[in-house]
């Protein structure tokens, strides 16, 4: 699995739209990876899917799925 966080860890300033779009892919990519390569409980997949969700509704990452 490719990691994206190191690309932006020391970035100064705002992310470009291309960089932001790359960051937003980490939720579905993580869920896909866990589903395909790891034997994890369903609850862990749910946490991975929802770890950026707000209590009052979905975030951009949920819309991208």
C-alpha atoms as a PDB file:
ATOM      1  CA  UNK A   1       0.000   0.000   0.000  1.00  0.00           C
ATOM      2  CA  UNK A   2       1.330   3.397  -0.929  1.00  0.00           C
ATOM      3  CA  UNK A   3       1.548   5.952   1.832  1.00  0.00           C
ATOM      4  CA  UNK A   4       0.683   9.556   1.143  1.00  0.00           C
ATOM      5  CA  UNK A   5       1.238  11.206   4.509  1.00  0.00           C
ATOM      6  CA  UNK A   6       5.011  11.487   4.116  1.00  0.00           C
ATOM      7  CA  UNK A   7       4.544  13.564   0.964  1.00  0.00           C
ATOM      8  CA  UNK A   8       2.886  16.361   2.888  1.00  0.00           C
ATOM      9  CA  UNK A   9       4.333  16.021   6.380  1.00  0.00           C
ATOM     10  CA  UNK A  10       6.683  18.983   6.006  1.00  0.00           C
ATOM     11  CA  UNK A  11       4.799  20.927   3.373  1.00  0.00           C
ATOM     12  CA  UNK A  12       4.558  24.636   3.987  1.00  0.00           C
ATOM     13  CA  UNK A  13       1.387  26.334   2.860  1.00  0.00           C
ATOM     14  CA  UNK A  14      -1.869  25.024   1.485  1.00  0.00           C
ATOM     15  CA  UNK A  15      -2.268  21.804  -0.430  1.00  0.00           C
ATOM     16  CA  UNK A  16      -2.917  22.107  -4.134  1.00  0.00           C
ATOM     17  CA  UNK A  17      -6.193  20.658  -5.404  1.00  0.00           C
ATOM     18  CA  UNK A  18      -4.244  17.697  -6.807  1.00  0.00           C
ATOM     19  CA  UNK A  19      -2.553  17.088  -3.433  1.00  0.00           C
ATOM     20  CA  UNK A  20      -5.879  17.398  -1.587  1.00  0.00           C
ATOM     21  CA  UNK A  21      -7.506  14.908  -3.965  1.00  0.00           C
ATOM     22  CA  UNK A  22      -4.664  12.478  -3.269  1.00  0.00           C
ATOM     23  CA  UNK A  23      -5.090  12.856   0.496  1.00  0.00           C
ATOM     24  CA  UNK A  24      -8.843  12.206   0.220  1.00  0.00           C
ATOM     25  CA  UNK A  25      -8.166   8.781  -1.309  1.00  0.00           C
ATOM     26  CA  UNK A  26      -6.616   7.386   1.875  1.00  0.00           C
ATOM     27  CA  UNK A  27      -9.908   6.218   3.377  1.00  0.00           C
ATOM     28  CA  UNK A  28     -11.154   4.083   0.473  1.00  0.00           C
ATOM     29  CA  UNK A  29      -7.624   2.818  -0.259  1.00  0.00           C
ATOM     30  CA  UNK A  30      -7.133   1.796   3.372  1.00  0.00           C
ATOM     31  CA  UNK A  31     -10.489   0.030   3.505  1.00  0.00           C
ATOM     32  CA  UNK A  32      -9.764  -1.795   0.234  1.00  0.00           C
ATOM     33  CA  UNK A  33      -6.350  -2.858   1.509  1.00  0.00           C
ATOM     34  CA  UNK A  34      -7.689  -4.129   4.820  1.00  0.00           C
ATOM     35  CA  UNK A  35     -10.512  -5.970   3.094  1.00  0.00           C
ATOM     36  CA  UNK A  36      -8.198  -7.664   0.575  1.00  0.00           C
ATOM     37  CA  UNK A  37      -5.028  -8.270   2.596  1.00  0.00           C
ATOM     38  CA  UNK A  38      -5.880  -8.576   6.234  1.00  0.00           C
ATOM     39  CA  UNK A  39      -8.148 -10.700   8.335  1.00  0.00           C
ATOM     40  CA  UNK A  40      -9.730  -8.005  10.451  1.00  0.00           C
ATOM     41  CA  UNK A  41     -13.041  -7.858  12.266  1.00  0.00           C
ATOM     42  CA  UNK A  42     -15.909  -6.043  10.554  1.00  0.00           C
ATOM     43  CA  UNK A  43     -15.802  -3.405  13.302  1.00  0.00           C
ATOM     44  CA  UNK A  44     -12.254  -2.454  12.269  1.00  0.00           C
ATOM     45  CA  UNK A  45     -13.364  -1.958   8.665  1.00  0.00           C
ATOM     46  CA  UNK A  46     -16.207   0.235   9.918  1.00  0.00           C
ATOM     47  CA  UNK A  47     -13.790   2.348  11.945  1.00  0.00           C
ATOM     48  CA  UNK A  48     -11.460   2.691   8.949  1.00  0.00           C
ATOM     49  CA  UNK A  49     -14.398   3.779   6.769  1.00  0.00           C
ATOM     50  CA  UNK A  50     -15.783   6.271   9.259  1.00  0.00           C
ATOM     51  CA  UNK A  51     -12.759   7.755  11.011  1.00  0.00           C
ATOM     52  CA  UNK A  52     -13.295  11.162   9.385  1.00  0.00           C
ATOM     53  CA  UNK A  53     -17.085  11.190   9.614  1.00  0.00           C
ATOM     54  CA  UNK A  54     -18.788  13.953  11.518  1.00  0.00           C
ATOM     55  CA  UNK A  55     -21.632  13.206  13.889  1.00  0.00           C
ATOM     56  CA  UNK A  56     -23.878  15.543  11.910  1.00  0.00           C
ATOM     57  CA  UNK A  57     -23.206  13.990   8.506  1.00  0.00           C
ATOM     58  CA  UNK A  58     -20.611  12.648   6.075  1.00  0.00           C
ATOM     59  CA  UNK A  59     -17.443  14.454   5.070  1.00  0.00           C
ATOM     60  CA  UNK A  60     -15.816  14.753   1.659  1.00  0.00           C
ATOM     61  CA  UNK A  61     -14.141  11.360   2.085  1.00  0.00           C
ATOM     62  CA  UNK A  62     -17.551   9.686   2.383  1.00  0.00           C
ATOM     63  CA  UNK A  63     -18.750  11.396  -0.788  1.00  0.00           C
ATOM     64  CA  UNK A  64     -15.688  10.106  -2.650  1.00  0.00           C
ATOM     65  CA  UNK A  65     -16.571   6.441  -1.937  1.00  0.00           C
END
